[in-house]
Amino acid sequence: MYVKQIVRDSARLNSISIGPKPTKLPVYKDYLPPCNQSCPTGNDIQGFLALVREFEFKKAWQKLVINQPMPAIHGRVCYHPCELSCNRIHSDSPVSIQQVERMLGDLALDQHWSYPIIAEQTKNKVLIIGAGPAGLAAAYHLRLAGHQVEIRDANPQAGGMMNYGIPAYRLPRDILRQEIQMIADMGVKITLNHKVDNILEEKQQGQFDAVFIAIGAQIGRSLAIQIEDFGPILEATEYLNLVGNNQAPQLGARVAVLGGGNTAMDTARVAKRLGAEEVMVIFFSDRDHMTAHEFEAEEAEAEGIQIHWLRNLKSINGDELAVEVMEVDVNGDAQPTGKIETLHADAMVFAIGQDIEGQLFSDVDNIEVNHDGTVYVNEHMMTTYEGIFAGGDMISSSRSVTISTGHGKKAARNIDAWLRGGVYLSEEKHQVVTHDMLQLWYEIDSERNPIKETGVAERVKDFSEVVHGLTQDQAVYEATRCYSCGNCFECDGCYGACPEDGAILKLGKGNRYKFDYDKCTGCQACVNQCPCHAIEMTSAADIYCQSRKQ
């Protein structure tokens, strides 16, 4: 009976259609833009760019903070993987997404905009250990869900490595303080100078229903080499922490930094600003295999930092550093050559990685720890101890502020579901739109705005911010460069291309369009005209089935 009805529906449609009988018909469909897919915090990038394009800055900020509560911070320190995935990179250059985010974050601070309204209050209490990006993000989302939240941190200032690891020339401290204060103003209690030594004891005494551990990786690694009669030797985390507390040690005129990551580059640039006349970075592999982002190395070199690639530190005697020359094999691995060179320095900072404080779990039975010292969590961010969750640098993952912030959001959603007796299930994601799926029938010369920076001669004098943000007009321009990949932006291309009068109906601004299948011939003119691949052809029988079910 059901099949016969479909046949009758099809016959009815074909009997009144003009032109050939369609076997396929167009449908409007939302896809996932690659920028959204690449964002560790799950930002609706395309959504807030569309609002910026309409000069709806407050609405754009409100859409942004649904997923990520610290746009002024991330607009400065995020390594913007979204831009590396932007489809526009195949045409000219990616949209300057991070700088648009920064403009919105700064504007929100200047205009004193408020976060979304907190949901109905619950009686649940959550303890968060660590006031870094993961802890702050988790606190924000849990508070929005109506729970009581307290963050406890051993440091005198909140922010974690955002405060003690990222130099002020990248993240001004007034910006950091203001966005943290916005989270505190939601009713999140932040207790500082409080080191948690016993998790279960703190949980029980505070009558907390759940715990989220996000203390980060704060223990710097050292290197087991022969050292004789040498000056100061520190680990990068220790050094940057001292600088963050205005207790910067005197390292001398010549400073060597061992490592090839972003922390190594930051450490070298900090030493330069604190008066070192000669600063070098020593890395055992080549530029292609460093863990630092390319722009970090470029900025360090621009400031006079000398990077010794393919040099492995072997020993230190007096002011002499013995380094072995390395070479990269066909597999990309650095191999020793046996050739030794000598470099000279008065102090050394090791920036070769960080570990977590494993003793924190000594009082908790059955907490499973991975081989690398990180904590095991399941797909719901919960450890092997019921009610104790972990995220950020505590778990096995890439380490960055944005990734930790994403962990905080994910943990909060899972904690909220667990407290309510359920399980959080994430929504199924749409198919990602690739560049070859776009129908870019137009060409617009619109290179991205150049990002202004303070000149090298001036910026090495102090810790003033180096990178300057976009103006509002520049941010709007960047937003107009977005292709709106996979999502209709109401360009009227399909409407204008359709040869059948009334086959495509305009539903009003913000409501997109609708097909009238009684008039559509399936000619695909709309599909060929749509620049962002928001329309695709599908089986006419499937459309009839779907219509019948509705």
Protein backbone atom coordinates (compact mmCIF):
# COMPACT_ATOMS: atom_id res chain seq x y z
CA MET A 1 0.00 0.00 0.00
CA TYR A 2 2.78 2.42 0.99
CA VAL A 3 4.77 1.71 -2.23
CA LYS A 4 1.65 2.21 -4.35
CA GLN A 5 1.08 5.58 -2.70
CA ILE A 6 4.63 6.64 -3.54
CA VAL A 7 4.06 5.62 -7.15
CA ARG A 8 0.83 7.64 -7.25
CA ASP A 9 2.65 10.65 -5.71
CA SER A 10 5.40 10.34 -8.31
CA ALA A 11 2.89 10.05 -11.12
CA ARG A 12 1.02 13.08 -9.81
CA LEU A 13 4.20 15.14 -9.69
CA ASN A 14 5.36 14.10 -13.15
CA SER A 15 1.95 14.73 -14.66
CA ILE A 16 2.04 18.42 -13.73
CA SER A 17 5.77 19.06 -14.18
CA ILE A 18 7.00 20.95 -17.19
CA GLY A 19 9.84 19.28 -19.06
CA PRO A 20 11.47 15.89 -18.51
CA LYS A 21 10.47 13.65 -15.65
CA PRO A 22 13.10 14.01 -12.88
CA THR A 23 14.71 10.98 -11.29
CA LYS A 24 16.70 13.30 -9.04
CA LEU A 25 15.68 16.50 -7.32
CA PRO A 26 17.65 19.18 -5.45
CA VAL A 27 17.62 19.50 -1.66
CA TYR A 28 19.13 22.12 0.61
CA LYS A 29 21.61 20.51 2.95
CA ASP A 30 24.01 21.75 5.62
CA TYR A 31 27.57 20.43 5.57
CA LEU A 32 30.41 20.92 8.04
CA PRO A 33 32.97 23.60 7.08
CA PRO A 34 36.58 22.44 7.51
CA CYS A 35 37.33 25.37 9.84
CA ASN A 36 34.63 24.21 12.25
CA GLN A 37 35.87 20.64 12.08
CA SER A 38 39.43 21.70 12.94
CA CYS A 39 38.54 23.88 15.94
CA PRO A 40 39.40 22.04 19.19
CA THR A 41 36.66 23.93 21.04
CA GLY A 42 33.96 23.21 18.45
CA ASN A 43 33.33 26.85 17.58
CA ASP A 44 30.65 27.68 15.01
CA ILE A 45 33.17 29.73 13.08
CA GLN A 46 31.06 30.18 10.01
CA GLY A 47 28.14 31.23 12.19
CA PHE A 48 29.92 34.04 14.02
CA LEU A 49 31.65 35.24 10.83
CA ALA A 50 28.25 35.57 9.16
CA LEU A 51 27.07 37.80 12.01
CA VAL A 52 30.23 39.91 11.88
CA ARG A 53 29.60 40.35 8.15
CA GLU A 54 26.26 41.92 9.10
CA PHE A 55 27.92 44.15 11.75
CA GLU A 56 26.09 42.15 14.45
CA PHE A 57 29.13 42.10 16.72
CA LYS A 58 27.38 41.33 20.01
CA LYS A 59 25.38 38.50 18.48
CA ALA A 60 28.58 37.16 16.93
CA TRP A 61 30.31 37.20 20.34
CA GLN A 62 27.30 35.50 21.93
CA LYS A 63 27.45 32.73 19.33
CA LEU A 64 31.20 32.41 19.88
CA VAL A 65 31.02 32.03 23.66
CA ILE A 66 28.47 29.25 23.43
CA ASN A 67 31.48 26.99 22.93
CA GLN A 68 34.51 29.01 23.98
CA PRO A 69 34.35 31.57 26.81
CA MET A 70 37.71 33.32 26.36
CA PRO A 71 37.86 34.83 22.84
CA ALA A 72 40.19 37.72 23.74
CA ILE A 73 42.69 35.15 25.06
CA HIS A 74 42.32 32.65 22.22
CA GLY A 75 42.37 35.48 19.71
CA ARG A 76 45.99 35.91 20.79
CA VAL A 77 47.40 32.52 21.78
CA CYS A 78 45.50 29.94 19.70
CA TYR A 79 47.55 28.40 16.91
CA HIS A 80 44.48 28.72 14.67
CA PRO A 81 44.21 25.25 13.10
CA CYS A 82 40.94 26.54 11.64
CA GLU A 83 42.89 28.81 9.30
CA LEU A 84 45.15 25.98 8.18
CA SER A 85 41.99 24.11 7.11
CA CYS A 86 40.22 27.08 5.50
CA ASN A 87 39.17 26.25 1.93
CA ARG A 88 40.12 29.75 0.87
CA ILE A 89 43.77 28.79 1.27
CA HIS A 90 43.47 27.07 -2.13
CA SER A 91 42.43 30.35 -3.78
CA ASP A 92 44.55 33.04 -2.14
CA SER A 93 44.89 33.03 1.65
CA PRO A 94 42.77 31.84 4.59
CA VAL A 95 40.28 34.02 6.39
CA SER A 96 41.92 35.68 9.40
CA ILE A 97 39.57 33.88 11.79
CA GLN A 98 41.71 34.28 14.91
CA GLN A 99 41.95 38.04 14.52
CA VAL A 100 38.18 38.39 14.07
CA GLU A 101 37.77 36.39 17.27
CA ARG A 102 40.22 38.70 19.03
CA MET A 103 38.29 41.78 17.89
CA LEU A 104 35.06 40.34 19.30
CA GLY A 105 36.74 39.38 22.58
CA ASP A 106 38.30 42.80 23.06
CA LEU A 107 35.04 44.54 22.16
CA ALA A 108 33.16 42.43 24.72
CA LEU A 109 35.61 43.46 27.43
CA ASP A 110 35.38 47.10 26.43
CA GLN A 111 31.57 47.05 26.29
CA HIS A 112 31.16 44.84 29.40
CA TRP A 113 28.99 42.28 27.63
CA SER A 114 27.60 39.45 29.75
CA TYR A 115 27.78 35.71 29.30
CA PRO A 116 24.60 33.69 28.56
CA ILE A 117 21.99 33.32 31.28
CA ILE A 118 22.70 30.53 33.76
CA ALA A 119 20.28 27.62 33.67
CA GLU A 120 18.09 26.70 36.63
CA GLN A 121 20.28 26.16 39.68
CA THR A 122 20.99 22.63 40.81
CA LYS A 123 22.24 21.42 44.19
CA ASN A 124 25.29 19.73 42.68
CA LYS A 125 28.79 20.87 43.62
CA VAL A 126 31.84 20.32 41.43
CA LEU A 127 35.47 20.74 42.46
CA ILE A 128 37.92 21.73 39.74
CA ILE A 129 41.61 21.34 40.52
CA GLY A 130 43.60 23.75 38.40
CA ALA A 131 42.78 27.26 37.16
CA GLY A 132 44.27 26.84 33.69
CA PRO A 133 42.33 26.86 30.40
CA ALA A 134 40.77 23.42 30.91
CA GLY A 135 39.65 24.19 34.45
CA LEU A 136 38.30 27.63 33.58
CA ALA A 137 36.39 26.34 30.54
CA ALA A 138 34.91 23.47 32.54
CA ALA A 139 33.87 25.89 35.29
CA TYR A 140 32.18 28.16 32.75
CA HIS A 141 30.13 25.41 31.12
CA LEU A 142 29.23 23.73 34.41
CA ARG A 143 28.10 27.06 35.82
CA LEU A 144 25.95 27.69 32.77
CA ALA A 145 24.36 24.30 33.44
CA GLY A 146 23.38 25.56 36.92
CA HIS A 147 25.90 23.71 39.08
CA GLN A 148 27.93 25.16 41.95
CA VAL A 149 31.59 25.27 41.00
CA GLU A 150 34.83 25.92 42.87
CA ILE A 151 38.30 26.03 41.34
CA ARG A 152 41.28 25.43 43.59
CA ASP A 153 44.78 26.26 42.41
CA ALA A 154 48.20 26.22 44.08
CA ASN A 155 49.40 29.42 42.38
CA PRO A 156 48.82 33.00 43.55
CA GLN A 157 47.29 33.91 40.16
CA ALA A 158 44.69 32.08 38.08
CA GLY A 159 45.36 31.17 34.48
CA GLY A 160 47.77 28.26 34.75
CA MET A 161 50.32 28.21 31.95
CA MET A 162 48.47 31.10 30.29
CA ASN A 163 49.85 33.18 33.14
CA TYR A 164 53.08 31.35 33.96
CA GLY A 165 54.04 29.91 30.60
CA ILE A 166 52.90 32.33 27.89
CA PRO A 167 54.88 35.61 27.92
CA ALA A 168 53.03 38.91 28.27
CA TYR A 169 54.16 40.06 24.82
CA ARG A 170 51.83 37.37 23.45
CA LEU A 171 49.10 37.58 26.10
CA PRO A 172 48.81 40.85 28.02
CA ARG A 173 47.99 40.14 31.64
CA ASP A 174 45.14 42.65 31.81
CA ILE A 175 43.34 40.73 29.05
CA LEU A 176 43.90 37.44 30.88
CA ARG A 177 42.67 38.85 34.19
CA GLN A 178 39.53 40.38 32.70
CA GLU A 179 38.28 37.22 31.00
CA ILE A 180 39.03 35.14 34.11
CA GLN A 181 37.10 37.69 36.17
CA MET A 182 34.10 37.34 33.84
CA ILE A 183 34.01 33.63 34.69
CA ALA A 184 34.35 34.39 38.40
CA ASP A 185 31.49 36.91 38.12
CA MET A 186 29.19 34.07 37.04
CA GLY A 187 29.44 32.73 40.59
CA VAL A 188 32.47 30.48 40.09
CA LYS A 189 34.54 30.47 43.25
CA ILE A 190 38.30 30.60 42.57
CA THR A 191 40.49 29.69 45.56
CA LEU A 192 44.19 30.43 45.01
CA ASN A 193 47.32 29.50 46.97
CA HIS A 194 45.60 26.20 47.73
CA LYS A 195 47.51 23.10 46.72
CA VAL A 196 45.42 19.95 46.64
CA ASP A 197 47.40 17.03 48.03
CA ASN A 198 44.57 14.61 48.74
CA ILE A 199 41.76 14.52 46.17
CA LEU A 200 39.33 12.32 48.08
CA GLU A 201 39.81 14.27 51.28
CA GLU A 202 39.08 17.58 49.52
CA LYS A 203 36.07 16.03 47.79
CA GLN A 204 34.64 14.70 51.03
CA GLN A 205 35.32 17.75 53.18
CA GLY A 206 33.86 20.12 50.57
CA GLN A 207 30.91 17.79 49.92
CA PHE A 208 31.59 17.87 46.19
CA ASP A 209 29.62 15.54 43.94
CA ALA A 210 32.26 15.38 41.20
CA VAL A 211 35.87 16.39 40.61
CA PHE A 212 37.60 17.58 37.45
CA ILE A 213 41.41 17.47 37.53
CA ALA A 214 43.15 19.92 35.21
CA ILE A 215 46.43 20.91 36.84
CA GLY A 216 48.43 20.77 33.62
CA ALA A 217 51.97 19.58 33.02
CA GLN A 218 54.15 21.77 35.21
CA ILE A 219 57.21 19.64 35.93
CA GLY A 220 60.01 20.38 33.46
CA ARG A 221 62.24 17.61 32.22
CA SER A 222 66.02 17.68 32.59
CA LEU A 223 68.79 16.01 30.63
CA ALA A 224 71.26 13.51 32.06
CA ILE A 225 74.57 14.82 30.73
CA GLN A 226 77.95 15.63 32.24
CA ILE A 227 78.06 19.21 33.56
CA GLU A 228 81.13 20.78 35.19
CA ASP A 229 81.74 24.30 36.48
CA PHE A 230 78.76 25.91 34.72
CA GLY A 231 76.44 28.80 35.53
CA PRO A 232 72.66 28.69 36.17
CA ILE A 233 70.69 25.75 34.79
CA LEU A 234 66.88 25.87 34.89
CA GLU A 235 63.91 24.15 33.33
CA ALA A 236 61.72 26.30 31.09
CA THR A 237 58.60 25.89 33.23
CA GLU A 238 60.56 26.97 36.30
CA TYR A 239 62.12 29.91 34.49
CA LEU A 240 58.87 31.19 32.98
CA ASN A 241 57.10 30.73 36.31
CA LEU A 242 59.70 32.90 38.03
CA VAL A 243 59.35 35.52 35.32
CA GLY A 244 55.56 35.40 35.72
CA ASN A 245 55.98 36.07 39.44
CA ASN A 246 58.37 38.98 38.80
CA GLN A 247 61.28 36.96 40.16
CA ALA A 248 63.28 36.58 36.96
CA PRO A 249 66.76 35.17 37.71
CA GLN A 250 69.94 36.70 36.29
CA LEU A 251 71.25 34.32 33.64
CA GLY A 252 74.18 36.29 32.27
CA ALA A 253 75.02 37.71 28.87
CA ARG A 254 74.90 34.45 26.90
CA VAL A 255 71.88 32.14 27.31
CA ALA A 256 71.33 28.78 25.63
CA VAL A 257 67.91 27.15 25.38
CA LEU A 258 67.66 23.44 24.62
CA GLY A 259 64.57 22.32 22.72
CA GLY A 260 62.60 22.77 19.51
CA GLY A 261 59.08 23.53 20.73
CA ASN A 262 57.05 26.68 21.24
CA THR A 263 58.17 26.83 24.87
CA ALA A 264 61.80 26.90 23.75
CA MET A 265 61.11 29.81 21.41
CA ASP A 266 59.18 31.71 24.09
CA THR A 267 61.94 31.09 26.65
CA ALA A 268 64.60 32.42 24.29
CA ARG A 269 62.57 35.54 23.47
CA VAL A 270 61.94 36.17 27.16
CA ALA A 271 65.66 35.90 27.95
CA LYS A 272 66.37 38.41 25.19
CA ARG A 273 63.91 40.88 26.69
CA LEU A 274 65.42 40.44 30.13
CA GLY A 275 68.80 41.66 28.96
CA ALA A 276 70.71 38.70 27.55
CA GLU A 277 73.04 39.93 24.82
CA GLU A 278 73.27 36.62 23.00
CA VAL A 279 70.56 33.96 23.02
CA MET A 280 70.65 30.68 21.15
CA VAL A 281 68.32 27.71 20.73
CA ILE A 282 69.84 24.24 20.33
CA PHE A 283 67.72 21.57 18.66
CA PHE A 284 68.75 18.03 17.77
CA SER A 285 66.76 17.83 14.51
CA ASP A 286 66.06 20.13 11.57
CA ARG A 287 63.51 22.86 11.00
CA ASP A 288 61.02 20.53 9.33
CA HIS A 289 60.88 18.33 12.44
CA MET A 290 60.65 20.94 15.19
CA THR A 291 57.50 20.89 17.29
CA ALA A 292 57.35 24.68 17.37
CA HIS A 293 55.07 26.37 14.88
CA GLU A 294 56.93 27.93 11.98
CA PHE A 295 55.88 31.47 12.86
CA GLU A 296 57.28 31.02 16.37
CA ALA A 297 60.71 30.19 14.97
CA GLU A 298 60.48 33.01 12.46
CA GLU A 299 59.63 35.56 15.17
CA ALA A 300 62.48 34.31 17.37
CA GLU A 301 64.98 34.59 14.53
CA ALA A 302 63.68 38.05 13.66
CA GLU A 303 64.49 39.12 17.21
CA GLY A 304 68.07 37.96 16.90
CA ILE A 305 67.75 34.48 18.40
CA GLN A 306 70.19 32.10 16.72
CA ILE A 307 68.84 28.59 16.22
CA HIS A 308 71.39 25.80 15.93
CA TRP A 309 69.61 23.07 13.99
CA LEU A 310 70.79 19.45 14.02
CA ARG A 311 72.90 19.87 17.14
CA ASN A 312 72.62 17.47 20.09
CA LEU A 313 73.98 18.63 23.46
CA LYS A 314 76.48 16.10 24.85
CA SER A 315 78.25 17.82 27.78
CA ILE A 316 79.00 21.15 29.43
CA ASN A 317 82.38 22.23 30.79
CA GLY A 318 82.86 25.79 31.97
CA ASP A 319 81.21 28.00 29.35
CA GLU A 320 81.76 25.41 26.62
CA LEU A 321 78.85 23.36 25.28
CA ALA A 322 79.86 20.25 23.36
CA VAL A 323 77.26 19.49 20.70
CA GLU A 324 77.23 16.65 18.21
CA VAL A 325 76.32 17.38 14.62
CA MET A 326 73.28 15.36 13.53
CA GLU A 327 71.83 14.47 10.15
CA VAL A 328 68.32 13.48 9.11
CA ASP A 329 67.88 10.04 7.55
CA VAL A 330 65.34 8.98 4.92
CA ASN A 331 62.76 8.33 7.66
CA GLY A 332 63.09 11.86 9.03
CA ASP A 333 64.95 10.73 12.17
CA ALA A 334 68.00 12.64 13.40
CA GLN A 335 71.09 10.44 13.47
CA PRO A 336 74.51 11.19 15.05
CA THR A 337 77.52 11.84 12.81
CA GLY A 338 80.26 11.69 15.46
CA LYS A 339 81.37 15.23 14.68
CA ILE A 340 81.59 17.49 17.76
CA GLU A 341 81.36 21.28 17.78
CA THR A 342 81.70 23.79 20.62
CA LEU A 343 79.25 26.56 21.51
CA HIS A 344 79.59 29.06 24.36
CA ALA A 345 77.02 30.15 26.97
CA ASP A 346 76.81 31.40 30.57
CA ALA A 347 73.47 29.74 31.42
CA MET A 348 71.21 26.99 30.14
CA VAL A 349 67.44 26.54 30.11
CA PHE A 350 66.02 23.09 29.32
CA ALA A 351 62.78 23.25 27.27
CA ILE A 352 62.47 19.58 26.37
CA GLY A 353 58.98 18.83 27.67
CA GLN A 354 56.88 18.72 30.81
CA ASP A 355 55.36 16.01 32.98
CA ILE A 356 52.35 15.99 35.30
CA GLU A 357 52.43 15.66 39.08
CA GLY A 358 51.66 11.95 39.40
CA GLN A 359 51.78 11.96 43.21
CA LEU A 360 48.41 13.73 43.21
CA PHE A 361 46.77 10.34 42.63
CA SER A 362 48.63 8.45 45.34
CA ASP A 363 45.60 8.61 47.64
CA VAL A 364 43.12 7.41 45.02
CA ASP A 365 42.78 3.68 44.46
CA ASN A 366 42.31 2.28 40.98
CA ILE A 367 43.31 5.44 39.08
CA GLU A 368 44.83 4.09 35.87
CA VAL A 369 47.91 5.91 34.57
CA ASN A 370 49.22 5.59 31.02
CA HIS A 371 52.80 4.61 30.20
CA ASP A 372 53.69 8.27 29.57
CA GLY A 373 52.48 9.31 33.03
CA THR A 374 49.22 10.83 31.85
CA VAL A 375 45.89 9.78 33.34
CA TYR A 376 43.62 7.36 31.52
CA VAL A 377 40.09 8.64 30.83
CA ASN A 378 37.25 7.02 28.93
CA GLU A 379 35.23 8.60 26.13
CA HIS A 380 33.32 10.58 28.77
CA MET A 381 36.50 12.11 30.24
CA MET A 382 36.08 10.06 33.43
CA THR A 383 39.02 8.32 35.08
CA THR A 384 38.77 4.79 36.37
CA TYR A 385 37.49 6.25 39.67
CA GLU A 386 33.76 6.98 39.51
CA GLY A 387 33.03 10.70 39.67
CA ILE A 388 36.61 11.89 39.06
CA PHE A 389 37.24 13.36 35.61
CA ALA A 390 40.42 14.72 34.02
CA GLY A 391 41.44 16.80 31.02
CA GLY A 392 43.96 19.21 29.56
CA ASP A 393 47.61 18.27 29.90
CA MET A 394 46.60 15.60 32.43
CA ILE A 395 45.49 13.24 29.67
CA SER A 396 47.20 11.87 26.59
CA SER A 397 46.71 14.53 23.93
CA SER A 398 48.40 17.37 22.09
CA ARG A 399 49.03 20.27 24.42
CA SER A 400 47.82 23.79 23.77
CA VAL A 401 45.52 26.36 25.36
CA THR A 402 42.80 25.72 22.79
CA ILE A 403 42.91 21.93 23.08
CA SER A 404 42.73 22.22 26.87
CA THR A 405 39.76 24.59 26.55
CA GLY A 406 38.04 22.02 24.35
CA HIS A 407 38.71 19.36 26.99
CA GLY A 408 37.11 21.60 29.60
CA LYS A 409 33.94 21.97 27.54
CA LYS A 410 33.74 18.25 26.81
CA ALA A 411 34.36 17.34 30.44
CA ALA A 412 31.69 19.79 31.62
CA ARG A 413 29.08 18.28 29.34
CA ASN A 414 29.93 14.78 30.50
CA ILE A 415 30.01 15.80 34.18
CA ASP A 416 26.65 17.53 33.80
CA ALA A 417 25.13 14.41 32.22
CA TRP A 418 26.66 12.15 34.89
CA LEU A 419 25.35 14.35 37.71
CA ARG A 420 21.88 14.12 36.20
CA GLY A 421 22.11 10.34 35.99
CA GLY A 422 22.64 10.13 32.25
CA VAL A 423 25.33 9.92 29.60
CA TYR A 424 26.29 12.75 27.28
CA LEU A 425 25.92 11.87 23.60
CA SER A 426 27.45 14.27 21.10
CA GLU A 427 25.52 15.13 17.97
CA GLU A 428 26.45 13.40 14.74
CA LYS A 429 28.51 15.74 12.57
CA HIS A 430 27.71 16.58 8.97
CA GLN A 431 29.98 15.66 6.08
CA VAL A 432 32.95 18.01 5.70
CA VAL A 433 33.03 20.23 2.62
CA THR A 434 36.30 20.06 0.71
CA HIS A 435 37.54 22.70 -1.71
CA ASP A 436 36.77 20.59 -4.77
CA MET A 437 33.10 20.46 -3.76
CA LEU A 438 32.71 24.24 -4.05
CA GLN A 439 31.36 25.89 -7.20
CA LEU A 440 33.48 29.04 -7.21
CA TRP A 441 32.17 30.57 -10.41
CA TYR A 442 33.27 34.03 -9.30
CA GLU A 443 36.75 35.36 -8.61
CA ILE A 444 37.25 38.17 -6.11
CA ASP A 445 40.63 39.75 -5.42
CA SER A 446 40.49 39.92 -1.64
CA GLU A 447 43.76 39.06 0.03
CA ARG A 448 43.58 38.90 3.81
CA ASN A 449 44.50 41.88 5.94
CA PRO A 450 48.17 41.95 6.89
CA ILE A 451 48.63 41.61 10.65
CA LYS A 452 50.60 44.51 12.07
CA GLU A 453 53.41 43.88 14.53
CA THR A 454 55.66 46.11 16.58
CA GLY A 455 59.06 46.52 14.94
CA VAL A 456 61.84 44.24 16.17
CA ALA A 457 64.01 47.05 17.50
CA GLU A 458 61.19 48.24 19.76
CA ARG A 459 59.58 44.99 20.84
CA VAL A 460 62.70 43.39 22.31
CA LYS A 461 62.97 46.26 24.78
CA ASP A 462 60.06 45.15 26.96
CA PHE A 463 57.05 42.83 27.22
CA SER A 464 54.57 45.04 25.37
CA GLU A 465 52.23 43.18 23.03
CA VAL A 466 53.85 42.43 19.68
CA VAL A 467 50.89 41.50 17.47
CA HIS A 468 48.20 44.13 16.94
CA GLY A 469 44.57 43.31 16.27
CA LEU A 470 42.21 44.23 13.46
CA THR A 471 39.88 47.21 13.45
CA GLN A 472 36.17 46.52 13.29
CA ASP A 473 36.08 47.41 9.59
CA GLN A 474 39.00 45.07 8.90
CA ALA A 475 37.26 42.28 10.81
CA VAL A 476 34.10 42.79 8.74
CA TYR A 477 36.20 42.63 5.58
CA GLU A 478 37.74 39.34 6.75
CA ALA A 479 34.27 37.95 7.51
CA THR A 480 33.13 38.77 3.97
CA ARG A 481 36.01 36.64 2.66
CA CYS A 482 34.42 33.51 4.15
CA TYR A 483 33.10 31.13 1.47
CA SER A 484 30.37 29.86 3.83
CA CYS A 485 31.42 26.35 2.83
CA GLY A 486 28.51 23.91 2.84
CA ASN A 487 25.94 26.29 4.29
CA CYS A 488 23.54 28.58 2.42
CA PHE A 489 24.24 32.29 2.90
CA GLU A 490 21.30 33.48 0.78
CA CYS A 491 23.25 34.77 -2.21
CA ASP A 492 20.17 34.28 -4.47
CA GLY A 493 22.29 32.33 -6.93
CA CYS A 494 19.90 29.38 -7.03
CA TYR A 495 16.89 31.68 -7.15
CA GLY A 496 18.24 33.60 -10.11
CA ALA A 497 19.44 30.53 -12.00
CA CYS A 498 16.20 28.54 -11.80
CA PRO A 499 14.40 28.52 -15.19
CA GLU A 500 11.05 27.48 -13.70
CA ASP A 501 8.94 30.29 -12.29
CA GLY A 502 8.15 29.62 -8.62
CA ALA A 503 10.19 26.42 -8.29
CA ILE A 504 12.37 28.10 -5.66
CA LEU A 505 10.64 30.10 -2.95
CA LYS A 506 12.38 32.79 -0.86
CA LEU A 507 11.37 32.40 2.78
CA GLY A 508 12.65 35.75 4.03
CA LYS A 509 16.00 36.91 5.39
CA GLY A 510 17.58 34.28 7.64
CA ASN A 511 15.14 31.56 6.56
CA ARG A 512 16.83 30.63 3.25
CA TYR A 513 14.77 29.01 0.45
CA LYS A 514 12.43 26.13 -0.29
CA PHE A 515 11.89 24.01 -3.38
CA ASP A 516 8.43 23.55 -4.88
CA TYR A 517 8.79 20.06 -6.27
CA ASP A 518 5.56 20.41 -8.24
CA LYS A 519 7.41 22.84 -10.48
CA CYS A 520 11.02 21.65 -10.24
CA THR A 521 12.29 19.72 -13.29
CA GLY A 522 15.54 18.52 -11.72
CA CYS A 523 17.65 20.47 -14.22
CA GLN A 524 20.44 21.07 -11.63
CA ALA A 525 20.82 24.74 -12.55
CA CYS A 526 20.59 25.64 -8.86
CA VAL A 527 23.27 23.09 -7.92
CA ASN A 528 25.63 24.34 -10.61
CA GLN A 529 25.13 27.91 -9.48
CA CYS A 530 25.50 27.38 -5.70
CA PRO A 531 29.04 28.49 -4.79
CA CYS A 532 29.17 26.89 -1.34
CA HIS A 533 27.70 23.43 -2.13
CA ALA A 534 24.62 23.91 0.02
CA ILE A 535 22.46 22.05 -2.51
CA GLU A 536 22.78 18.51 -3.78
CA MET A 537 20.79 16.26 -6.04
CA THR A 538 19.10 13.26 -4.46
CA SER A 539 16.72 10.52 -5.51
CA ALA A 540 13.24 11.79 -6.28
CA ALA A 541 11.82 8.63 -4.70
CA ASP A 542 13.67 9.40 -1.46
CA ILE A 543 12.17 12.87 -1.39
CA TYR A 544 8.69 11.46 -1.89
CA CYS A 545 9.29 8.93 0.90
CA GLN A 546 10.48 11.66 3.24
CA SER A 547 7.53 13.86 2.34
CA ARG A 548 5.16 10.96 2.97
CA LYS A 549 6.67 10.31 6.44
CA GLN A 550 6.22 13.95 7.40
